[in-house]
Amino acid sequence: MDINIINSSSYLSLVESGARNLALDYERINALNVFPVPDGDTGSNMKMTIEGGIKSFKDINSLSLGEVSKQIARSMVLSARGNSGVILSQFFKGVSLGLESLDTANVIDFAKAMVEGTKKAYSVVSNPTEGTVLTVMREAGEKAISLINEENTLVDYFTYYIKEAHESLARTPDLLPVLKKAGVIDSGGAGFILVVEGMLKALKGITIEKGSSSVSSNSIDTSSFNADSELTYGYCTEFILQLQNSKVDPATFDLNIINRFLKEHGNSIVSFKDEDIVKVHVHTFDPGLVLTECRKYGEFLTLKIENMNVQHSETELVGSEQEEIEIEYKKYATVVVANGSGLVETFKEAGVDQVVSGGQTMNTSTEDFINAFEHINADYILVYPNNSNIKMAAKMAADNYDKAKVIVIPTRTIAEGYSCISMLDTSCDDIDTIVEEQKSVLENVSTIEVTYSIRDCLINNLQIEKGNYIVLYNDELISTNKNRVESIKDAIRKIEDFSEKQVLTLIYGKNVNKDEIEEITSFVQSINRYCEVYPIKGNQDIYSYIIGLE
């Protein structure tokens, strides 16, 4: 690789190498949790985000550096998961903005683009906090660009960049007290350094072996479709279409032209347009017909066709087919993030339009949200992320969707989301009033979360042993005990205004027995006889109890 000039091919190689380097060590990044809870997912989120940006490019040598960097950034934005993933995707989007007019880049060009990446990453965080990955990006970029000139190589630049990035990362606990108290460095910053170190390895000609991908691949059960079989479900057809100036005007192209055709020849349609890129998912018995039609408007960047009789179970397919027959119009619709069969069913029974799979350790991507929006026919869509690490992806999806007004209600926990949905009233028929009422509900909800510790540590003067149960109250660790019920009792005793609470929603997860629930209920009512306890079987992972207090 030419270490002085970056073109489209070498840029893709840099990003691929960065992704592979992160994949080798992402579990260590996951372990850099402030609290010793088993939900560390920063490394996984960054890994899935950057892997989502690496797509197959058709005849990449015919594309400019700016075009390739733009396509990589777009794919990353759609794949972005968690706050760390969103920030990483926006960093690469900023880099692409710095490279957009270039066929190739020298060291000065690239250094400037990396600075643009930092600016873009900062711009998507409403209240940027120093001592995070943002600080590492900024300080490394500023230092490295100040040390180079046109005589330097890209290896020189990345060497300066990485040296300062490590020094900046080491300073993060001094800037963010919560990190210092927990004795850890910023996990997002550590993950970002792995990406940049991987890019430097590519420049040096060091090959990083490809590890396991975050993208699951279904094994093909050939027994489910043979020479005598009948195709009953059709083909799941997905593609990304690059609109071509020679065929249409990409800026004014109406996506409904494609959608009308798709409705005539398929179902389970999900499609959206981002500038001059169109992404499509459709179930059809004639994918060739669909592809021929869409090639009238552009060329395919990616393409996947699967026989649904082979790839999926009959139960899954029947559900998806029925869902897409007709989407009933409604003025207000809701999308909720949850995991656990009980929670999913609870939200559906409460009237939620779309429940998106996600939560701790499995953060929902921007594209997951957009796909959910596409299954709704409404003027307004209220989104409940139910996790502070999913809000940014939800907001990014809202910003990239134009078929409805999408509003993110900033729920941080399942308990908050459940309370908001329970109290949702659209009868006033004024969206501003509805949103304000939902936000006021949030102010009256507190959350207790019960899980177990993955390491020995000392937090808030509590000596925590690995394997013990720990209890967080509004994100503050307040109790630990070898016995799960006793840890909950201890936490409740420490809540100063518990006697004022009127409702306790007890969402219990897997491996919780009836005796525990009865013991907790009895204890609650023994110290506050006016508090009503409502148990809900959530079947969620990680947190054995999620308790809402109002």
Protein backbone atom coordinates (compact mmCIF):
# COMPACT_ATOMS: atom_id res chain seq x y z
CA MET A 1 0.00 0.00 0.00
CA ASP A 2 1.26 3.50 -0.88
CA ILE A 3 1.85 5.07 2.53
CA ASN A 4 1.66 8.60 1.14
CA ILE A 5 -1.61 8.56 -0.79
CA ILE A 6 -5.02 7.08 0.06
CA ASN A 7 -7.41 6.14 -2.72
CA SER A 8 -10.80 4.41 -2.66
CA SER A 9 -9.35 0.91 -2.46
CA SER A 10 -6.80 1.66 0.24
CA TYR A 11 -9.38 3.55 2.33
CA LEU A 12 -11.66 0.51 2.30
CA SER A 13 -8.67 -1.61 3.35
CA LEU A 14 -7.98 0.76 6.25
CA VAL A 15 -11.53 0.52 7.55
CA GLU A 16 -11.63 -3.27 7.10
CA SER A 17 -8.38 -3.60 9.04
CA GLY A 18 -9.74 -1.34 11.78
CA ALA A 19 -12.85 -3.50 12.03
CA ARG A 20 -10.82 -6.70 12.23
CA ASN A 21 -8.52 -5.30 14.90
CA LEU A 22 -11.52 -4.31 17.02
CA ALA A 23 -13.09 -7.75 16.49
CA LEU A 24 -10.00 -9.40 18.00
CA ASP A 25 -10.37 -7.61 21.33
CA TYR A 26 -13.94 -6.30 21.60
CA GLU A 27 -14.72 -8.50 24.63
CA ARG A 28 -12.08 -6.61 26.63
CA ILE A 29 -13.85 -3.38 25.71
CA ASN A 30 -17.15 -4.87 26.88
CA ALA A 31 -15.56 -5.62 30.25
CA LEU A 32 -14.65 -1.95 30.82
CA ASN A 33 -17.96 -1.33 32.58
CA VAL A 34 -18.34 1.39 35.18
CA PHE A 35 -20.60 -0.91 37.17
CA PRO A 36 -19.70 -4.62 37.50
CA VAL A 37 -22.90 -5.70 35.76
CA PRO A 38 -23.03 -8.30 32.94
CA ASP A 39 -24.34 -5.88 30.33
CA GLY A 40 -21.14 -4.43 28.93
CA ASP A 41 -21.73 -3.97 25.22
CA THR A 42 -19.60 -1.03 24.09
CA GLY A 43 -17.20 -3.28 22.20
CA SER A 44 -19.99 -5.30 20.63
CA ASN A 45 -21.84 -2.16 19.55
CA MET A 46 -18.76 -0.63 17.95
CA LYS A 47 -17.88 -3.94 16.29
CA MET A 48 -21.32 -4.40 14.73
CA THR A 49 -21.43 -0.75 13.65
CA ILE A 50 -18.13 -0.74 11.79
CA GLU A 51 -18.72 -4.21 10.33
CA GLY A 52 -22.00 -2.91 8.98
CA GLY A 53 -20.07 -0.23 7.11
CA ILE A 54 -17.97 -2.70 5.19
CA LYS A 55 -20.04 -3.66 2.20
CA SER A 56 -19.25 -5.26 -1.12
CA PHE A 57 -18.45 -2.59 -3.67
CA LYS A 58 -19.01 -3.19 -7.37
CA ASP A 59 -15.91 -2.21 -9.33
CA ILE A 60 -14.49 -0.14 -6.49
CA ASN A 61 -11.67 1.19 -8.69
CA SER A 62 -14.23 3.16 -10.69
CA LEU A 63 -15.29 5.04 -7.55
CA SER A 64 -13.55 8.04 -6.05
CA LEU A 65 -12.26 8.13 -2.51
CA GLY A 66 -15.08 10.49 -1.61
CA GLU A 67 -17.73 8.14 -3.00
CA VAL A 68 -16.40 5.09 -1.17
CA SER A 69 -16.03 6.94 2.13
CA LYS A 70 -19.61 8.20 1.77
CA GLN A 71 -21.00 4.71 1.15
CA ILE A 72 -19.08 3.26 4.11
CA ALA A 73 -20.36 6.03 6.38
CA ARG A 74 -23.96 5.56 5.21
CA SER A 75 -23.87 1.86 5.94
CA MET A 76 -22.34 2.52 9.35
CA VAL A 77 -25.09 4.99 10.20
CA LEU A 78 -27.74 2.36 9.45
CA SER A 79 -25.86 -0.29 11.43
CA ALA A 80 -25.12 1.99 14.39
CA ARG A 81 -25.92 0.44 17.78
CA GLY A 82 -25.61 2.03 21.20
CA ASN A 83 -24.17 5.43 21.95
CA SER A 84 -20.65 4.25 21.16
CA GLY A 85 -21.76 2.89 17.79
CA VAL A 86 -23.64 6.05 16.89
CA ILE A 87 -20.63 8.20 17.77
CA LEU A 88 -18.32 5.92 15.76
CA SER A 89 -20.63 6.06 12.74
CA GLN A 90 -20.81 9.84 12.94
CA PHE A 91 -17.03 10.06 13.18
CA PHE A 92 -16.72 8.19 9.89
CA LYS A 93 -19.50 10.31 8.42
CA GLY A 94 -17.47 13.39 9.30
CA VAL A 95 -14.38 11.82 7.73
CA SER A 96 -16.39 11.21 4.56
CA LEU A 97 -17.44 14.87 4.50
CA GLY A 98 -13.77 15.83 4.66
CA LEU A 99 -12.99 13.48 1.76
CA GLU A 100 -16.14 13.98 -0.35
CA SER A 101 -14.57 16.05 -3.16
CA LEU A 102 -11.37 14.02 -3.39
CA ASP A 103 -10.24 11.21 -5.70
CA THR A 104 -7.22 10.62 -3.48
CA ALA A 105 -5.93 12.11 -0.24
CA ASN A 106 -2.44 12.94 1.00
CA VAL A 107 -1.46 13.03 4.65
CA ILE A 108 -2.65 16.63 5.17
CA ASP A 109 -5.98 15.91 3.48
CA PHE A 110 -6.56 12.86 5.62
CA ALA A 111 -5.56 14.58 8.85
CA LYS A 112 -8.08 17.33 8.12
CA ALA A 113 -10.76 14.73 7.39
CA MET A 114 -10.10 13.03 10.75
CA VAL A 115 -10.62 16.39 12.47
CA GLU A 116 -13.91 16.74 10.59
CA GLY A 117 -14.82 13.33 11.92
CA THR A 118 -14.40 14.53 15.48
CA LYS A 119 -16.50 17.63 14.83
CA LYS A 120 -19.32 15.52 13.42
CA ALA A 121 -19.17 13.08 16.34
CA TYR A 122 -19.44 15.96 18.82
CA SER A 123 -22.39 17.41 16.92
CA VAL A 124 -24.71 14.44 17.58
CA VAL A 125 -24.24 14.51 21.36
CA SER A 126 -26.57 17.03 22.96
CA ASN A 127 -24.36 17.54 26.02
CA PRO A 128 -20.85 16.34 25.15
CA THR A 129 -19.00 15.01 28.18
CA GLU A 130 -15.23 15.19 28.38
CA GLY A 131 -13.46 12.05 29.48
CA THR A 132 -15.18 9.97 26.82
CA VAL A 133 -14.35 8.73 23.33
CA LEU A 134 -15.06 12.26 22.08
CA THR A 135 -12.12 13.58 24.09
CA VAL A 136 -9.85 10.85 22.75
CA MET A 137 -10.86 11.65 19.15
CA ARG A 138 -10.42 15.39 19.61
CA GLU A 139 -7.10 15.41 21.45
CA ALA A 140 -5.53 12.80 19.17
CA GLY A 141 -6.68 14.61 16.04
CA GLU A 142 -5.53 18.03 17.21
CA LYS A 143 -2.13 16.77 18.36
CA ALA A 144 -1.41 14.69 15.27
CA ILE A 145 -2.30 17.40 12.76
CA SER A 146 -0.11 19.89 14.63
CA LEU A 147 2.93 17.63 14.25
CA ILE A 148 2.80 16.81 10.54
CA ASN A 149 3.71 18.50 7.30
CA GLU A 150 3.76 17.44 3.67
CA GLU A 151 7.04 15.59 4.21
CA ASN A 152 5.41 13.15 6.62
CA THR A 153 3.90 9.82 5.63
CA LEU A 154 0.52 8.48 6.69
CA VAL A 155 2.38 6.06 8.96
CA ASP A 156 3.92 9.07 10.72
CA TYR A 157 0.50 10.65 11.10
CA PHE A 158 -1.18 7.55 12.54
CA THR A 159 1.77 6.97 14.87
CA TYR A 160 1.38 10.48 16.31
CA TYR A 161 -2.40 10.06 16.44
CA ILE A 162 -2.31 6.75 18.32
CA LYS A 163 0.35 7.91 20.80
CA GLU A 164 -1.78 10.90 21.81
CA ALA A 165 -4.95 8.78 21.79
CA HIS A 166 -3.44 6.43 24.39
CA GLU A 167 -2.31 9.36 26.53
CA SER A 168 -5.76 10.94 26.25
CA LEU A 169 -7.42 7.65 27.19
CA ALA A 170 -5.23 7.38 30.28
CA ARG A 171 -6.47 10.83 31.34
CA THR A 172 -10.18 10.00 30.99
CA PRO A 173 -10.60 8.95 34.67
CA ASP A 174 -9.32 12.38 35.75
CA LEU A 175 -11.96 14.08 33.59
CA LEU A 176 -14.87 11.80 34.46
CA PRO A 177 -15.18 11.01 38.20
CA VAL A 178 -17.42 7.99 37.62
CA LEU A 179 -14.57 6.31 35.73
CA LYS A 180 -12.06 7.08 38.47
CA LYS A 181 -14.38 5.77 41.15
CA ALA A 182 -14.82 2.51 39.25
CA GLY A 183 -11.11 2.26 38.42
CA VAL A 184 -11.60 1.99 34.65
CA ILE A 185 -10.80 3.98 31.52
CA ASP A 186 -13.42 5.00 28.98
CA SER A 187 -14.52 1.94 27.04
CA GLY A 188 -15.55 3.85 23.91
CA GLY A 189 -12.15 5.52 23.74
CA ALA A 190 -10.42 2.16 24.13
CA GLY A 191 -12.51 0.67 21.33
CA PHE A 192 -11.83 3.61 19.04
CA ILE A 193 -8.07 3.21 19.54
CA LEU A 194 -8.32 -0.42 18.42
CA VAL A 195 -9.94 0.75 15.18
CA VAL A 196 -7.24 3.33 14.49
CA GLU A 197 -4.47 0.88 15.40
CA GLY A 198 -5.95 -1.54 12.88
CA MET A 199 -5.81 1.17 10.23
CA LEU A 200 -2.12 1.73 10.97
CA LYS A 201 -1.45 -2.00 10.66
CA ALA A 202 -2.93 -1.91 7.16
CA LEU A 203 -0.62 0.95 6.22
CA LYS A 204 2.33 -1.10 7.47
CA GLY A 205 1.25 -4.10 5.43
CA ILE A 206 0.30 -6.16 8.49
CA THR A 207 -2.62 -8.48 7.71
CA ILE A 208 -5.15 -9.08 10.46
CA GLU A 209 -6.93 -12.40 10.11
CA LYS A 210 -10.67 -12.10 9.86
CA GLY A 211 -12.42 -13.28 13.00
CA SER A 212 -16.02 -14.21 13.59
CA SER A 213 -18.58 -11.72 12.32
CA SER A 214 -21.34 -10.20 14.41
CA VAL A 215 -23.71 -10.91 11.57
CA SER A 216 -25.28 -14.30 12.08
CA SER A 217 -25.59 -16.55 9.10
CA ASN A 218 -28.36 -19.08 8.97
CA SER A 219 -27.31 -22.57 8.04
CA ILE A 220 -29.13 -23.98 5.06
CA ASP A 221 -31.40 -26.92 5.79
CA THR A 222 -31.42 -28.61 2.39
CA SER A 223 -33.93 -31.18 3.63
CA SER A 224 -36.60 -28.47 3.76
CA PHE A 225 -36.56 -27.99 -0.02
CA ASN A 226 -35.88 -30.71 -2.59
CA ALA A 227 -36.64 -31.63 -6.20
CA ASP A 228 -40.31 -32.28 -5.40
CA SER A 229 -40.86 -29.21 -3.21
CA GLU A 230 -43.15 -26.32 -4.02
CA LEU A 231 -42.04 -22.73 -3.42
CA THR A 232 -44.75 -21.53 -1.02
CA TYR A 233 -43.16 -18.47 0.55
CA GLY A 234 -41.16 -16.93 -2.26
CA TYR A 235 -37.79 -15.22 -1.97
CA CYS A 236 -36.59 -12.72 0.59
CA THR A 237 -34.93 -10.12 -1.63
CA GLU A 238 -32.78 -7.32 -0.23
CA PHE A 239 -30.58 -4.81 -2.02
CA ILE A 240 -29.02 -1.37 -1.91
CA LEU A 241 -29.51 0.56 -5.16
CA GLN A 242 -27.23 3.40 -6.22
CA LEU A 243 -29.39 5.80 -8.24
CA GLN A 244 -27.58 6.79 -11.44
CA ASN A 245 -27.50 10.28 -12.92
CA SER A 246 -27.65 8.69 -16.36
CA LYS A 247 -31.03 7.14 -15.55
CA VAL A 248 -32.82 9.50 -13.13
CA ASP A 249 -32.33 12.68 -11.15
CA PRO A 250 -31.30 11.16 -7.77
CA ALA A 251 -32.13 14.31 -5.83
CA THR A 252 -35.78 14.39 -6.94
CA PHE A 253 -36.39 10.67 -7.52
CA ASP A 254 -39.71 9.58 -5.99
CA LEU A 255 -39.37 6.34 -4.04
CA ASN A 256 -43.08 5.69 -4.54
CA ILE A 257 -42.28 4.71 -8.15
CA ILE A 258 -40.45 1.67 -6.82
CA ASN A 259 -42.88 1.06 -3.96
CA ARG A 260 -45.91 0.90 -6.27
CA PHE A 261 -44.18 -1.75 -8.37
CA LEU A 262 -43.14 -3.71 -5.28
CA LYS A 263 -46.71 -3.78 -3.97
CA GLU A 264 -47.88 -5.32 -7.25
CA HIS A 265 -45.25 -8.07 -7.15
CA GLY A 266 -44.52 -8.73 -3.47
CA ASN A 267 -45.17 -7.98 0.20
CA SER A 268 -43.30 -7.45 3.49
CA ILE A 269 -41.94 -4.30 1.88
CA VAL A 270 -39.45 -2.09 3.70
CA SER A 271 -37.78 0.67 1.70
CA PHE A 272 -36.18 4.04 2.27
CA LYS A 273 -34.11 6.58 0.37
CA ASP A 274 -31.01 8.36 1.62
CA GLU A 275 -29.92 11.01 -0.88
CA ASP A 276 -28.93 8.93 -3.95
CA ILE A 277 -29.08 5.51 -2.24
CA VAL A 278 -32.22 3.32 -1.99
CA LYS A 279 -32.45 0.30 0.33
CA VAL A 280 -35.16 -2.30 -0.30
CA HIS A 281 -36.47 -5.44 1.42
CA VAL A 282 -39.31 -7.37 -0.25
CA HIS A 283 -40.78 -10.87 -0.28
CA THR A 284 -41.55 -11.86 -3.86
CA PHE A 285 -42.01 -14.94 -6.03
CA ASP A 286 -40.20 -13.25 -8.91
CA PRO A 287 -37.04 -11.45 -7.72
CA GLY A 288 -35.80 -11.21 -11.30
CA LEU A 289 -38.77 -9.05 -12.22
CA VAL A 290 -38.10 -6.78 -9.24
CA LEU A 291 -34.41 -6.45 -10.04
CA THR A 292 -35.05 -5.71 -13.70
CA GLU A 293 -37.48 -2.94 -12.76
CA CYS A 294 -35.15 -1.35 -10.23
CA ARG A 295 -32.19 -1.38 -12.61
CA LYS A 296 -34.11 1.18 -14.64
CA TYR A 297 -33.13 3.69 -11.97
CA GLY A 298 -29.64 2.65 -10.90
CA GLU A 299 -27.18 -0.14 -10.18
CA PHE A 300 -26.93 -2.52 -7.23
CA LEU A 301 -24.30 -2.02 -4.55
CA THR A 302 -25.37 -5.11 -2.58
CA LEU A 303 -27.82 -7.88 -3.37
CA LYS A 304 -29.15 -10.87 -1.40
CA ILE A 305 -31.85 -13.37 -2.41
CA GLU A 306 -32.92 -16.22 -0.10
CA ASN A 307 -35.42 -19.04 -0.57
CA MET A 308 -37.71 -18.50 2.43
CA ASN A 309 -38.80 -22.12 2.55
CA VAL A 310 -35.17 -22.95 3.31
CA GLN A 311 -34.08 -20.01 5.43
CA HIS A 312 -36.98 -19.59 7.84
CA SER A 313 -39.56 -21.57 9.72
CA GLU A 314 -43.16 -21.66 8.56
CA THR A 315 -44.35 -20.01 11.76
CA GLU A 316 -42.07 -16.99 11.31
CA LEU A 317 -43.08 -16.54 7.70
CA VAL A 318 -46.80 -16.75 8.21
CA GLY A 319 -46.54 -14.02 10.83
CA SER A 320 -44.54 -11.69 8.61
CA GLU A 321 -46.75 -12.32 5.58
CA GLN A 322 -49.93 -11.57 7.48
CA GLU A 323 -48.42 -8.46 9.00
CA GLU A 324 -47.82 -6.89 5.60
CA ILE A 325 -51.18 -7.54 3.92
CA GLU A 326 -52.64 -4.19 4.94
CA ILE A 327 -51.32 -1.60 7.39
CA GLU A 328 -54.19 0.25 8.99
CA TYR A 329 -53.82 4.02 9.20
CA LYS A 330 -53.82 5.68 12.60
CA LYS A 331 -52.80 9.17 13.59
CA TYR A 332 -50.60 8.14 16.52
CA ALA A 333 -48.48 4.99 16.73
CA THR A 334 -45.90 3.62 19.15
CA VAL A 335 -42.61 1.72 18.90
CA VAL A 336 -41.09 0.16 22.01
CA VAL A 337 -37.76 -1.57 22.58
CA ALA A 338 -37.91 -4.69 24.77
CA ASN A 339 -36.55 -8.19 25.16
CA GLY A 340 -38.15 -11.16 26.86
CA SER A 341 -41.27 -12.91 25.59
CA GLY A 342 -43.36 -11.73 28.53
CA LEU A 343 -42.42 -8.09 28.04
CA VAL A 344 -43.07 -8.26 24.32
CA GLU A 345 -46.52 -9.72 24.93
CA THR A 346 -47.23 -7.18 27.68
CA PHE A 347 -46.46 -4.23 25.42
CA LYS A 348 -48.46 -5.69 22.55
CA GLU A 349 -51.46 -6.21 24.83
CA ALA A 350 -51.08 -2.56 25.87
CA GLY A 351 -51.59 -1.53 22.24
CA VAL A 352 -48.00 -0.93 21.12
CA ASP A 353 -47.74 -1.05 17.32
CA GLN A 354 -44.18 -2.37 17.00
CA VAL A 355 -41.96 -4.01 19.62
CA VAL A 356 -38.34 -3.93 18.50
CA SER A 357 -36.01 -6.52 19.96
CA GLY A 358 -33.27 -4.94 22.05
CA GLY A 359 -32.03 -3.91 25.45
CA GLN A 360 -28.95 -4.69 27.51
CA THR A 361 -26.20 -6.47 25.52
CA MET A 362 -28.33 -6.33 22.34
CA ASN A 363 -28.76 -2.67 21.50
CA THR A 364 -31.15 -1.80 18.70
CA SER A 365 -29.63 -0.39 15.50
CA THR A 366 -30.74 2.67 13.56
CA GLU A 367 -31.90 0.39 10.75
CA ASP A 368 -33.94 -1.75 13.17
CA PHE A 369 -35.91 1.35 14.11
CA ILE A 370 -36.40 2.43 10.50
CA ASN A 371 -37.65 -1.04 9.59
CA ALA A 372 -40.17 -0.82 12.44
CA PHE A 373 -41.34 2.61 11.23
CA GLU A 374 -41.89 1.16 7.75
CA HIS A 375 -44.42 -1.27 9.22
CA ILE A 376 -46.53 1.60 10.53
CA ASN A 377 -48.96 3.88 8.72
CA ALA A 378 -49.30 6.93 10.97
CA ASP A 379 -48.78 10.68 11.09
CA TYR A 380 -46.87 10.54 14.40
CA ILE A 381 -44.71 7.75 15.81
CA LEU A 382 -43.71 7.82 19.47
CA VAL A 383 -40.56 5.81 20.19
CA TYR A 384 -39.63 4.42 23.61
CA PRO A 385 -35.96 3.24 23.62
CA ASN A 386 -36.16 2.10 27.28
CA ASN A 387 -32.39 2.25 27.57
CA SER A 388 -30.06 5.23 27.80
CA ASN A 389 -27.67 3.49 25.40
CA ILE A 390 -30.33 3.18 22.68
CA LYS A 391 -31.66 6.75 22.63
CA MET A 392 -29.06 8.04 20.18
CA ALA A 393 -29.81 5.30 17.64
CA ALA A 394 -33.53 6.06 18.02
CA LYS A 395 -32.94 9.76 17.43
CA MET A 396 -30.76 9.07 14.41
CA ALA A 397 -33.49 6.86 12.96
CA ALA A 398 -36.01 9.63 13.57
CA ASP A 399 -33.78 12.10 11.74
CA ASN A 400 -33.48 9.73 8.77
CA TYR A 401 -37.19 8.97 8.41
CA ASP A 402 -39.56 11.29 6.56
CA LYS A 403 -42.80 9.34 6.12
CA ALA A 404 -44.03 10.31 9.58
CA LYS A 405 -43.10 12.66 12.39
CA VAL A 406 -41.02 10.51 14.75
CA ILE A 407 -40.64 11.65 18.35
CA VAL A 408 -38.35 9.89 20.82
CA ILE A 409 -39.66 9.77 24.39
CA PRO A 410 -36.40 9.55 26.41
CA THR A 411 -37.20 6.46 28.47
CA ARG A 412 -34.10 4.99 30.09
CA THR A 413 -35.58 1.77 31.50
CA ILE A 414 -38.29 -0.77 30.78
CA ALA A 415 -40.09 0.44 33.90
CA GLU A 416 -40.24 3.97 32.51
CA GLY A 417 -41.42 2.72 29.13
CA TYR A 418 -44.15 0.57 30.67
CA SER A 419 -45.40 3.45 32.81
CA CYS A 420 -45.48 5.82 29.82
CA ILE A 421 -47.37 3.36 27.62
CA SER A 422 -49.81 2.67 30.45
CA MET A 423 -50.51 6.39 30.80
CA LEU A 424 -50.51 7.29 27.10
CA ASP A 425 -53.61 9.32 26.21
CA THR A 426 -54.02 10.64 22.67
CA SER A 427 -57.59 11.87 23.11
CA CYS A 428 -56.52 15.51 23.28
CA ASP A 429 -55.34 15.10 19.65
CA ASP A 430 -52.44 17.52 20.09
CA ILE A 431 -48.99 16.00 19.67
CA ASP A 432 -47.18 18.65 21.73
CA THR A 433 -49.52 18.11 24.66
CA ILE A 434 -49.20 14.32 24.36
CA VAL A 435 -45.41 14.48 24.41
CA GLU A 436 -45.32 16.84 27.38
CA GLU A 437 -47.68 14.58 29.31
CA GLN A 438 -45.46 11.58 28.56
CA LYS A 439 -42.39 13.43 29.76
CA SER A 440 -44.18 14.39 32.97
CA VAL A 441 -44.90 10.70 33.56
CA LEU A 442 -41.16 10.04 33.41
CA GLU A 443 -40.53 12.52 36.21
CA ASN A 444 -42.62 10.40 38.58
CA VAL A 445 -41.01 7.03 37.81
CA SER A 446 -38.02 5.56 39.63
CA THR A 447 -36.39 2.26 38.70
CA ILE A 448 -34.82 -0.55 40.70
CA GLU A 449 -32.75 -3.02 38.66
CA VAL A 450 -31.40 -6.29 40.05
CA THR A 451 -28.58 -8.27 38.46
CA TYR A 452 -25.30 -9.89 39.53
CA SER A 453 -21.70 -8.73 39.74
CA ILE A 454 -19.08 -9.90 37.24
CA ARG A 455 -16.09 -8.80 39.33
CA ASP A 456 -14.94 -7.91 42.84
CA CYS A 457 -14.91 -4.17 43.46
CA LEU A 458 -15.67 -1.36 45.88
CA ILE A 459 -18.35 1.14 44.78
CA ASN A 460 -20.26 3.64 46.95
CA ASN A 461 -18.55 2.12 50.00
CA LEU A 462 -20.09 -1.25 49.16
CA GLN A 463 -17.68 -4.18 49.01
CA ILE A 464 -18.99 -6.22 46.09
CA GLU A 465 -17.99 -9.81 45.47
CA LYS A 466 -18.12 -11.47 42.07
CA GLY A 467 -21.36 -13.41 41.70
CA ASN A 468 -23.26 -11.49 44.38
CA TYR A 469 -26.54 -9.81 43.52
CA ILE A 470 -26.40 -6.06 43.13
CA VAL A 471 -29.18 -3.50 43.02
CA LEU A 472 -29.18 -0.19 41.16
CA TYR A 473 -31.66 2.55 42.01
CA ASN A 474 -31.96 5.17 39.29
CA ASP A 475 -28.53 4.09 37.98
CA GLU A 476 -26.86 4.29 41.42
CA LEU A 477 -25.56 1.10 42.98
CA ILE A 478 -27.06 0.94 46.47
CA SER A 479 -27.14 -2.70 47.62
CA THR A 480 -25.39 -6.06 47.33
CA ASN A 481 -26.03 -9.46 48.88
CA LYS A 482 -25.52 -13.15 48.19
CA ASN A 483 -29.30 -13.55 48.52
CA ARG A 484 -31.36 -11.91 45.76
CA VAL A 485 -34.44 -11.11 47.84
CA GLU A 486 -32.36 -9.72 50.70
CA SER A 487 -30.53 -7.43 48.28
CA ILE A 488 -33.92 -6.03 47.15
CA LYS A 489 -35.14 -5.59 50.73
CA ASP A 490 -31.95 -3.76 51.66
CA ALA A 491 -32.31 -1.45 48.66
CA ILE A 492 -35.95 -0.64 49.46
CA ARG A 493 -35.01 0.23 53.06
CA LYS A 494 -32.49 2.76 51.70
CA ILE A 495 -35.01 4.58 49.48
CA GLU A 496 -35.90 7.59 51.62
CA ASP A 497 -39.27 8.37 50.07
CA PHE A 498 -40.45 4.78 49.68
CA SER A 499 -43.31 5.40 52.10
CA GLU A 500 -44.71 7.89 49.59
CA LYS A 501 -44.80 5.40 46.70
CA GLN A 502 -48.22 4.18 45.62
CA VAL A 503 -47.47 1.72 42.83
CA LEU A 504 -44.72 -0.88 42.49
CA THR A 505 -44.52 -2.67 39.12
CA LEU A 506 -42.54 -5.87 39.60
CA ILE A 507 -41.23 -7.06 36.22
CA TYR A 508 -39.53 -10.38 36.82
CA GLY A 509 -37.19 -12.22 34.49
CA LYS A 510 -36.11 -15.76 33.86
CA ASN A 511 -35.42 -18.13 36.77
CA VAL A 512 -37.58 -16.22 39.26
CA ASN A 513 -39.95 -18.34 41.33
CA LYS A 514 -43.36 -17.58 42.80
CA ASP A 515 -42.10 -17.72 46.40
CA GLU A 516 -39.67 -14.86 45.74
CA ILE A 517 -42.41 -12.68 44.30
CA GLU A 518 -44.68 -13.36 47.26
CA GLU A 519 -41.87 -12.60 49.72
CA ILE A 520 -41.05 -9.29 48.02
CA THR A 521 -44.73 -8.33 47.84
CA SER A 522 -45.23 -9.13 51.53
CA PHE A 523 -42.16 -7.10 52.49
CA VAL A 524 -43.21 -4.07 50.44
CA GLN A 525 -46.67 -3.99 51.99
CA SER A 526 -45.26 -4.50 55.49
CA ILE A 527 -43.45 -1.16 55.28
CA ASN A 528 -45.91 0.66 53.01
CA ARG A 529 -49.42 -0.79 53.15
CA TYR A 530 -50.68 1.81 50.66
CA CYS A 531 -48.34 0.59 47.90
CA GLU A 532 -49.98 -1.68 45.32
CA VAL A 533 -47.71 -4.35 43.83
CA TYR A 534 -48.30 -5.45 40.23
CA PRO A 535 -46.20 -8.45 39.12
CA ILE A 536 -45.47 -8.84 35.38
CA LYS A 537 -43.75 -11.90 33.91
CA GLY A 538 -41.17 -10.32 31.64
CA ASN A 539 -38.86 -13.29 30.96
CA GLN A 540 -36.03 -10.78 30.35
CA ASP A 541 -32.35 -11.71 30.52
CA ILE A 542 -29.55 -10.10 32.56
CA TYR A 543 -31.82 -8.28 35.05
CA SER A 544 -33.81 -10.71 37.19
CA TYR A 545 -36.00 -7.84 38.37
CA ILE A 546 -36.87 -4.47 36.87
CA ILE A 547 -39.02 -2.62 39.37
CA GLY A 548 -40.90 0.59 38.67
CA LEU A 549 -41.85 2.88 41.56
CA GLU A 550 -44.46 5.61 41.26
